[in-house]
Amino acid sequence: MKRNRLFAYALSGCMLLISLTSFAMPAHFGQNLIINGGAEVDAAGRGSALGLVPGWVSQQNGAMVIRYGANLHSPTIEQSSQLNGGVQFFAGGAGMRDVYMQQFIDLKPFSDWIDLGRAKFQAMGWFGGFGNKDDTAGISLTFLNDQQDLVSYRLGDIDAFARGNKTGLIFQDMNEFVPIGATQLMVTLDFHRMSGDYNYAYADNLFFSINSVPEPNTVGLIILGMVGILGGWSRRRQI
């Protein structure tokens, strides 16, 4: 009778531990959390009105979207097909020397994994420009909590030398752990004009996702430990 009671207690404790170590996985793990990261949410044809790129808050007039092959300064339609760039891409435009756009992403749905150090992010994008122009585009990913900035990562800044003085875009990506305590992400897409009166910095296919980090089979380890405890108790009772 005592053995049966101990087994029942052990099984109950095991199930409690399982429930404490299990979380409901968000449906949007692995999905792109950047709104309009491909510059396709725009029906203006050649380009959007200055400062009115859907999904982005434009801090300074200038940034816009342009169709592939729209002019001699643009990446071609053939180049778009090679990088799956769709119809349009982001460009610095004819506004101020340096322009940028931002959007904020809520990370609270992932807080169970982030606070345990079990969340990684994947970020990627295509960045480039026109010919021998050194205008550059880049994206900064700044993780925030309620009090401060935690850490920032950056992709892009592909100059003419990196492009071989050719018009086009180059792929970059990264995979890193999300800092513990992060509750929000600030995404900043910026374009820097080095000379002239037009900003030939380009970007496209911006992507950011959160993914869970695989861990050992916690449930299996708990059950194995409980079985070992019960086995040891049983052997001691038989001695």
C-alpha atoms as a PDB file:
ATOM      1  CA  MET A   1       0.000   0.000   0.000  1.00  0.00           C
ATOM      2  CA  LYS A   2       2.769   2.432   0.920  1.00  0.00           C
ATOM      3  CA  ARG A   3       4.602   1.559  -2.295  1.00  0.00           C
ATOM      4  CA  ASN A   4       1.485   2.295  -4.379  1.00  0.00           C
ATOM      5  CA  ARG A   5       0.994   5.590  -2.568  1.00  0.00           C
ATOM      6  CA  LEU A   6       4.622   6.611  -3.152  1.00  0.00           C
ATOM      7  CA  PHE A   7       4.321   5.732  -6.842  1.00  0.00           C
ATOM      8  CA  ALA A   8       1.177   7.870  -7.134  1.00  0.00           C
ATOM      9  CA  TYR A   9       2.947  10.812  -5.467  1.00  0.00           C
ATOM     10  CA  ALA A  10       5.942  10.415  -7.753  1.00  0.00           C
ATOM     11  CA  LEU A  11       3.757  10.282 -10.857  1.00  0.00           C
ATOM     12  CA  SER A  12       1.841  13.394  -9.770  1.00  0.00           C
ATOM     13  CA  GLY A  13       5.082  15.263  -9.162  1.00  0.00           C
ATOM     14  CA  CYS A  14       6.388  14.187 -12.535  1.00  0.00           C
ATOM     15  CA  MET A  15       3.293  15.490 -14.322  1.00  0.00           C
ATOM     16  CA  LEU A  16       3.537  18.777 -12.410  1.00  0.00           C
ATOM     17  CA  LEU A  17       7.139  19.246 -13.517  1.00  0.00           C
ATOM     18  CA  ILE A  18       6.151  18.491 -17.095  1.00  0.00           C
ATOM     19  CA  SER A  19       3.452  21.175 -16.973  1.00  0.00           C
ATOM     20  CA  LEU A  20       5.882  23.710 -15.535  1.00  0.00           C
ATOM     21  CA  THR A  21       8.455  23.126 -18.266  1.00  0.00           C
ATOM     22  CA  SER A  22       6.002  23.270 -21.194  1.00  0.00           C
ATOM     23  CA  PHE A  23       4.784  26.445 -22.941  1.00  0.00           C
ATOM     24  CA  ALA A  24       2.267  27.074 -25.654  1.00  0.00           C
ATOM     25  CA  MET A  25       4.368  27.789 -28.743  1.00  0.00           C
ATOM     26  CA  PRO A  26       3.377  31.012 -30.567  1.00  0.00           C
ATOM     27  CA  ALA A  27       1.932  30.375 -34.014  1.00  0.00           C
ATOM     28  CA  HIS A  28       4.260  32.948 -35.570  1.00  0.00           C
ATOM     29  CA  PHE A  29       7.571  31.268 -34.746  1.00  0.00           C
ATOM     30  CA  GLY A  30       9.659  31.412 -37.928  1.00  0.00           C
ATOM     31  CA  GLN A  31       7.433  33.955 -39.673  1.00  0.00           C
ATOM     32  CA  ASN A  32       8.667  37.298 -40.995  1.00  0.00           C
ATOM     33  CA  LEU A  33       7.684  39.918 -38.419  1.00  0.00           C
ATOM     34  CA  ILE A  34       8.711  42.924 -40.544  1.00  0.00           C
ATOM     35  CA  ILE A  35       5.717  44.547 -42.209  1.00  0.00           C
ATOM     36  CA  ASN A  36       6.255  45.233 -45.907  1.00  0.00           C
ATOM     37  CA  GLY A  37       9.855  44.053 -45.788  1.00  0.00           C
ATOM     38  CA  GLY A  38       9.786  43.436 -49.536  1.00  0.00           C
ATOM     39  CA  ALA A  39       8.538  46.885 -50.628  1.00  0.00           C
ATOM     40  CA  GLU A  40       5.606  45.234 -52.391  1.00  0.00           C
ATOM     41  CA  VAL A  41       2.736  46.760 -50.364  1.00  0.00           C
ATOM     42  CA  ASP A  42       2.408  49.753 -52.638  1.00  0.00           C
ATOM     43  CA  ALA A  43       0.291  50.369 -55.710  1.00  0.00           C
ATOM     44  CA  ALA A  44       1.877  53.604 -56.883  1.00  0.00           C
ATOM     45  CA  GLY A  45       3.579  52.010 -59.878  1.00  0.00           C
ATOM     46  CA  ARG A  46       7.024  53.531 -60.327  1.00  0.00           C
ATOM     47  CA  GLY A  47       7.359  54.506 -56.674  1.00  0.00           C
ATOM     48  CA  SER A  48       5.491  55.589 -53.586  1.00  0.00           C
ATOM     49  CA  ALA A  49       4.924  59.153 -52.501  1.00  0.00           C
ATOM     50  CA  LEU A  50       7.804  60.451 -50.423  1.00  0.00           C
ATOM     51  CA  GLY A  51       7.470  59.454 -46.799  1.00  0.00           C
ATOM     52  CA  LEU A  52       4.441  57.215 -47.420  1.00  0.00           C
ATOM     53  CA  VAL A  53       5.880  53.693 -47.584  1.00  0.00           C
ATOM     54  CA  PRO A  54       3.225  51.366 -46.083  1.00  0.00           C
ATOM     55  CA  GLY A  55       4.212  49.627 -42.848  1.00  0.00           C
ATOM     56  CA  TRP A  56       7.000  52.097 -42.108  1.00  0.00           C
ATOM     57  CA  VAL A  57       7.156  55.387 -40.235  1.00  0.00           C
ATOM     58  CA  SER A  58       9.283  57.712 -42.356  1.00  0.00           C
ATOM     59  CA  GLN A  59      11.299  60.054 -40.151  1.00  0.00           C
ATOM     60  CA  GLN A  60      12.627  62.165 -43.019  1.00  0.00           C
ATOM     61  CA  ASN A  61      11.206  62.720 -46.484  1.00  0.00           C
ATOM     62  CA  GLY A  62      13.034  60.892 -49.247  1.00  0.00           C
ATOM     63  CA  ALA A  63      12.797  57.106 -48.846  1.00  0.00           C
ATOM     64  CA  MET A  64      10.602  55.481 -51.462  1.00  0.00           C
ATOM     65  CA  VAL A  65       9.978  52.304 -53.469  1.00  0.00           C
ATOM     66  CA  ILE A  66      10.928  51.893 -57.124  1.00  0.00           C
ATOM     67  CA  ARG A  67      10.182  49.241 -59.717  1.00  0.00           C
ATOM     68  CA  TYR A  68      12.971  46.965 -60.883  1.00  0.00           C
ATOM     69  CA  GLY A  69      14.087  48.086 -64.334  1.00  0.00           C
ATOM     70  CA  ALA A  70      12.341  51.456 -63.974  1.00  0.00           C
ATOM     71  CA  ASN A  71      15.413  53.341 -65.232  1.00  0.00           C
ATOM     72  CA  LEU A  72      19.103  52.932 -65.998  1.00  0.00           C
ATOM     73  CA  HIS A  73      19.990  53.456 -62.352  1.00  0.00           C
ATOM     74  CA  SER A  74      17.806  50.589 -61.078  1.00  0.00           C
ATOM     75  CA  PRO A  75      18.570  46.904 -60.703  1.00  0.00           C
ATOM     76  CA  THR A  76      17.044  45.034 -63.632  1.00  0.00           C
ATOM     77  CA  ILE A  77      14.020  42.763 -63.762  1.00  0.00           C
ATOM     78  CA  GLU A  78      16.436  39.865 -64.387  1.00  0.00           C
ATOM     79  CA  GLN A  79      18.284  40.712 -61.182  1.00  0.00           C
ATOM     80  CA  SER A  80      14.975  40.758 -59.316  1.00  0.00           C
ATOM     81  CA  SER A  81      14.163  37.251 -60.528  1.00  0.00           C
ATOM     82  CA  GLN A  82      17.552  36.006 -59.276  1.00  0.00           C
ATOM     83  CA  LEU A  83      16.940  37.248 -55.734  1.00  0.00           C
ATOM     84  CA  ASN A  84      13.150  36.745 -55.753  1.00  0.00           C
ATOM     85  CA  GLY A  85      12.798  40.501 -55.340  1.00  0.00           C
ATOM     86  CA  GLY A  86       9.293  40.847 -56.703  1.00  0.00           C
ATOM     87  CA  VAL A  87       8.311  44.054 -58.488  1.00  0.00           C
ATOM     88  CA  GLN A  88       9.763  46.784 -56.269  1.00  0.00           C
ATOM     89  CA  PHE A  89      12.641  47.645 -53.935  1.00  0.00           C
ATOM     90  CA  PHE A  90      13.450  50.363 -51.387  1.00  0.00           C
ATOM     91  CA  ALA A  91      15.575  53.358 -52.408  1.00  0.00           C
ATOM     92  CA  GLY A  92      16.930  56.457 -50.706  1.00  0.00           C
ATOM     93  CA  GLY A  93      15.398  58.751 -53.292  1.00  0.00           C
ATOM     94  CA  ALA A  94      15.747  62.436 -54.030  1.00  0.00           C
ATOM     95  CA  GLY A  95      15.151  63.811 -50.552  1.00  0.00           C
ATOM     96  CA  MET A  96      17.625  64.629 -47.826  1.00  0.00           C
ATOM     97  CA  ARG A  97      21.215  63.380 -47.715  1.00  0.00           C
ATOM     98  CA  ASP A  98      20.438  60.742 -45.070  1.00  0.00           C
ATOM     99  CA  VAL A  99      16.957  59.285 -44.666  1.00  0.00           C
ATOM    100  CA  TYR A 100      15.546  56.476 -42.572  1.00  0.00           C
ATOM    101  CA  MET A 101      12.317  54.628 -41.808  1.00  0.00           C
ATOM    102  CA  GLN A 102      11.318  52.670 -38.715  1.00  0.00           C
ATOM    103  CA  GLN A 103       8.848  50.173 -37.360  1.00  0.00           C
ATOM    104  CA  PHE A 104       8.459  48.500 -33.965  1.00  0.00           C
ATOM    105  CA  ILE A 105       7.830  44.798 -33.355  1.00  0.00           C
ATOM    106  CA  ASP A 106       6.224  43.491 -30.154  1.00  0.00           C
ATOM    107  CA  LEU A 107       8.249  40.589 -28.731  1.00  0.00           C
ATOM    108  CA  LYS A 108       6.011  39.870 -25.720  1.00  0.00           C
ATOM    109  CA  PRO A 109       4.384  36.808 -27.358  1.00  0.00           C
ATOM    110  CA  PHE A 110       7.847  35.187 -27.234  1.00  0.00           C
ATOM    111  CA  SER A 111       8.693  36.233 -23.658  1.00  0.00           C
ATOM    112  CA  ASP A 112       8.589  32.678 -22.216  1.00  0.00           C
ATOM    113  CA  TRP A 113      11.437  31.632 -24.516  1.00  0.00           C
ATOM    114  CA  ILE A 114      13.306  34.942 -24.488  1.00  0.00           C
ATOM    115  CA  ASP A 115      13.482  35.131 -20.677  1.00  0.00           C
ATOM    116  CA  LEU A 116      14.842  31.577 -20.501  1.00  0.00           C
ATOM    117  CA  GLY A 117      17.502  32.281 -23.129  1.00  0.00           C
ATOM    118  CA  ARG A 118      15.810  29.878 -25.521  1.00  0.00           C
ATOM    119  CA  ALA A 119      14.994  32.279 -28.376  1.00  0.00           C
ATOM    120  CA  LYS A 120      17.142  33.055 -31.401  1.00  0.00           C
ATOM    121  CA  PHE A 121      16.434  35.429 -34.235  1.00  0.00           C
ATOM    122  CA  GLN A 122      17.176  35.184 -37.927  1.00  0.00           C
ATOM    123  CA  ALA A 123      17.614  38.387 -39.923  1.00  0.00           C
ATOM    124  CA  MET A 124      18.410  38.830 -43.592  1.00  0.00           C
ATOM    125  CA  GLY A 125      18.119  41.210 -46.486  1.00  0.00           C
ATOM    126  CA  TRP A 126      19.535  42.400 -49.797  1.00  0.00           C
ATOM    127  CA  PHE A 127      21.481  45.674 -49.897  1.00  0.00           C
ATOM    128  CA  GLY A 128      23.242  47.591 -52.652  1.00  0.00           C
ATOM    129  CA  GLY A 129      23.253  50.561 -54.953  1.00  0.00           C
ATOM    130  CA  PHE A 130      24.053  52.016 -58.355  1.00  0.00           C
ATOM    131  CA  GLY A 131      27.330  51.623 -60.254  1.00  0.00           C
ATOM    132  CA  ASN A 132      30.311  53.326 -58.663  1.00  0.00           C
ATOM    133  CA  LYS A 133      28.185  55.342 -56.229  1.00  0.00           C
ATOM    134  CA  ASP A 134      29.107  54.719 -52.602  1.00  0.00           C
ATOM    135  CA  ASP A 135      25.608  55.419 -51.257  1.00  0.00           C
ATOM    136  CA  THR A 136      24.726  52.652 -48.772  1.00  0.00           C
ATOM    137  CA  ALA A 137      21.601  51.187 -47.184  1.00  0.00           C
ATOM    138  CA  GLY A 138      21.479  49.207 -43.955  1.00  0.00           C
ATOM    139  CA  ILE A 139      19.110  47.910 -41.319  1.00  0.00           C
ATOM    140  CA  SER A 140      19.621  48.209 -37.564  1.00  0.00           C
ATOM    141  CA  LEU A 141      17.856  45.834 -35.167  1.00  0.00           C
ATOM    142  CA  THR A 142      17.689  47.332 -31.678  1.00  0.00           C
ATOM    143  CA  PHE A 143      16.279  45.187 -28.869  1.00  0.00           C
ATOM    144  CA  LEU A 144      14.519  47.108 -26.096  1.00  0.00           C
ATOM    145  CA  ASN A 145      12.938  46.472 -22.727  1.00  0.00           C
ATOM    146  CA  ASP A 146      10.748  48.838 -20.717  1.00  0.00           C
ATOM    147  CA  GLN A 147      13.715  50.861 -19.478  1.00  0.00           C
ATOM    148  CA  GLN A 148      16.511  50.853 -22.058  1.00  0.00           C
ATOM    149  CA  ASP A 149      18.133  49.624 -25.247  1.00  0.00           C
ATOM    150  CA  LEU A 150      19.702  46.208 -24.679  1.00  0.00           C
ATOM    151  CA  VAL A 151      21.756  45.533 -27.789  1.00  0.00           C
ATOM    152  CA  SER A 152      21.755  46.425 -31.484  1.00  0.00           C
ATOM    153  CA  TYR A 153      22.740  44.443 -34.586  1.00  0.00           C
ATOM    154  CA  ARG A 154      23.227  45.657 -38.139  1.00  0.00           C
ATOM    155  CA  LEU A 155      23.121  44.353 -41.699  1.00  0.00           C
ATOM    156  CA  GLY A 156      23.933  46.085 -44.971  1.00  0.00           C
ATOM    157  CA  ASP A 157      26.185  49.062 -45.744  1.00  0.00           C
ATOM    158  CA  ILE A 158      27.311  47.530 -49.047  1.00  0.00           C
ATOM    159  CA  ASP A 159      29.418  50.133 -50.876  1.00  0.00           C
ATOM    160  CA  ALA A 160      30.512  50.282 -54.538  1.00  0.00           C
ATOM    161  CA  PHE A 161      33.704  48.310 -53.891  1.00  0.00           C
ATOM    162  CA  ALA A 162      31.749  45.428 -52.341  1.00  0.00           C
ATOM    163  CA  ARG A 163      29.480  45.407 -55.410  1.00  0.00           C
ATOM    164  CA  GLY A 164      32.393  45.519 -57.845  1.00  0.00           C
ATOM    165  CA  ASN A 165      31.161  48.947 -59.000  1.00  0.00           C
ATOM    166  CA  LYS A 166      28.104  47.252 -60.489  1.00  0.00           C
ATOM    167  CA  THR A 167      24.443  48.073 -59.952  1.00  0.00           C
ATOM    168  CA  GLY A 168      22.757  45.443 -57.817  1.00  0.00           C
ATOM    169  CA  LEU A 169      22.095  44.029 -54.364  1.00  0.00           C
ATOM    170  CA  ILE A 170      24.075  41.644 -52.150  1.00  0.00           C
ATOM    171  CA  PHE A 171      22.613  39.207 -49.617  1.00  0.00           C
ATOM    172  CA  GLN A 172      23.465  39.357 -45.905  1.00  0.00           C
ATOM    173  CA  ASP A 173      22.084  37.427 -42.945  1.00  0.00           C
ATOM    174  CA  MET A 174      22.702  36.649 -39.266  1.00  0.00           C
ATOM    175  CA  ASN A 175      21.498  34.302 -36.509  1.00  0.00           C
ATOM    176  CA  GLU A 176      21.889  35.368 -32.887  1.00  0.00           C
ATOM    177  CA  PHE A 177      20.258  34.872 -29.488  1.00  0.00           C
ATOM    178  CA  VAL A 178      17.572  37.340 -28.508  1.00  0.00           C
ATOM    179  CA  PRO A 179      18.812  39.185 -25.395  1.00  0.00           C
ATOM    180  CA  ILE A 180      17.074  38.082 -22.199  1.00  0.00           C
ATOM    181  CA  GLY A 181      14.449  40.602 -21.098  1.00  0.00           C
ATOM    182  CA  ALA A 182      13.780  42.050 -24.562  1.00  0.00           C
ATOM    183  CA  THR A 183      10.144  43.047 -25.065  1.00  0.00           C
ATOM    184  CA  GLN A 184      10.323  45.088 -28.268  1.00  0.00           C
ATOM    185  CA  LEU A 185      12.400  45.425 -31.419  1.00  0.00           C
ATOM    186  CA  MET A 186      13.061  48.715 -33.202  1.00  0.00           C
ATOM    187  CA  VAL A 187      13.789  48.163 -36.896  1.00  0.00           C
ATOM    188  CA  THR A 188      15.531  51.079 -38.624  1.00  0.00           C
ATOM    189  CA  LEU A 189      16.126  51.050 -42.375  1.00  0.00           C
ATOM    190  CA  ASP A 190      18.464  53.871 -43.361  1.00  0.00           C
ATOM    191  CA  PHE A 191      19.951  55.226 -46.596  1.00  0.00           C
ATOM    192  CA  HIS A 192      23.162  57.305 -46.693  1.00  0.00           C
ATOM    193  CA  ARG A 193      24.063  59.496 -49.683  1.00  0.00           C
ATOM    194  CA  MET A 194      27.780  60.094 -50.089  1.00  0.00           C
ATOM    195  CA  SER A 195      27.657  62.584 -52.988  1.00  0.00           C
ATOM    196  CA  GLY A 196      25.423  64.082 -55.658  1.00  0.00           C
ATOM    197  CA  ASP A 197      21.772  65.059 -55.397  1.00  0.00           C
ATOM    198  CA  TYR A 198      20.159  61.606 -55.392  1.00  0.00           C
ATOM    199  CA  ASN A 199      20.425  58.776 -52.865  1.00  0.00           C
ATOM    200  CA  TYR A 200      21.221  55.590 -54.814  1.00  0.00           C
ATOM    201  CA  ALA A 201      21.162  53.298 -51.782  1.00  0.00           C
ATOM    202  CA  TYR A 202      18.911  50.251 -52.281  1.00  0.00           C
ATOM    203  CA  ALA A 203      17.451  47.469 -50.114  1.00  0.00           C
ATOM    204  CA  ASP A 204      14.928  44.654 -50.503  1.00  0.00           C
ATOM    205  CA  ASN A 205      13.542  41.444 -48.974  1.00  0.00           C
ATOM    206  CA  LEU A 206      14.073  42.435 -45.347  1.00  0.00           C
ATOM    207  CA  PHE A 207      13.313  39.543 -43.003  1.00  0.00           C
ATOM    208  CA  PHE A 208      13.263  39.024 -39.228  1.00  0.00           C
ATOM    209  CA  SER A 209      11.926  36.003 -37.345  1.00  0.00           C
ATOM    210  CA  ILE A 210      12.064  34.479 -33.856  1.00  0.00           C
ATOM    211  CA  ASN A 211      12.754  30.774 -33.428  1.00  0.00           C
ATOM    212  CA  SER A 212      12.918  28.518 -30.380  1.00  0.00           C
ATOM    213  CA  VAL A 213      16.219  26.895 -29.419  1.00  0.00           C
ATOM    214  CA  PRO A 214      16.078  23.070 -29.258  1.00  0.00           C
ATOM    215  CA  GLU A 215      16.770  21.679 -25.807  1.00  0.00           C
ATOM    216  CA  PRO A 216      17.182  18.169 -24.365  1.00  0.00           C
ATOM    217  CA  ASN A 217      14.025  16.152 -23.880  1.00  0.00           C
ATOM    218  CA  THR A 218      13.098  17.616 -20.505  1.00  0.00           C
ATOM    219  CA  VAL A 219      10.044  15.409 -20.120  1.00  0.00           C
ATOM    220  CA  GLY A 220      12.029  12.254 -20.806  1.00  0.00           C
ATOM    221  CA  LEU A 221      14.765  13.248 -18.363  1.00  0.00           C
ATOM    222  CA  ILE A 222      12.211  13.942 -15.614  1.00  0.00           C
ATOM    223  CA  ILE A 223      10.495  10.574 -16.090  1.00  0.00           C
ATOM    224  CA  LEU A 224      13.826   8.749 -16.173  1.00  0.00           C
ATOM    225  CA  GLY A 225      14.862  10.432 -12.929  1.00  0.00           C
ATOM    226  CA  MET A 226      11.602   9.547 -11.190  1.00  0.00           C
ATOM    227  CA  VAL A 227      11.883   5.916 -12.322  1.00  0.00           C
ATOM    228  CA  GLY A 228      15.414   5.814 -10.937  1.00  0.00           C
ATOM    229  CA  ILE A 229      14.219   7.156  -7.590  1.00  0.00           C
ATOM    230  CA  LEU A 230      11.431   4.591  -7.370  1.00  0.00           C
ATOM    231  CA  GLY A 231      13.802   1.774  -8.413  1.00  0.00           C
ATOM    232  CA  GLY A 232      16.296   2.735  -5.762  1.00  0.00           C
ATOM    233  CA  TRP A 233      13.573   2.892  -3.076  1.00  0.00           C
ATOM    234  CA  SER A 234      12.282  -0.527  -4.112  1.00  0.00           C
ATOM    235  CA  ARG A 235      15.733  -2.127  -3.898  1.00  0.00           C
ATOM    236  CA  ARG A 236      16.324  -0.648  -0.448  1.00  0.00           C
ATOM    237  CA  ARG A 237      13.007  -2.083   0.737  1.00  0.00           C
ATOM    238  CA  GLN A 238      14.047  -5.573  -0.457  1.00  0.00           C
ATOM    239  CA  ILE A 239      17.424  -5.592   1.327  1.00  0.00           C
END
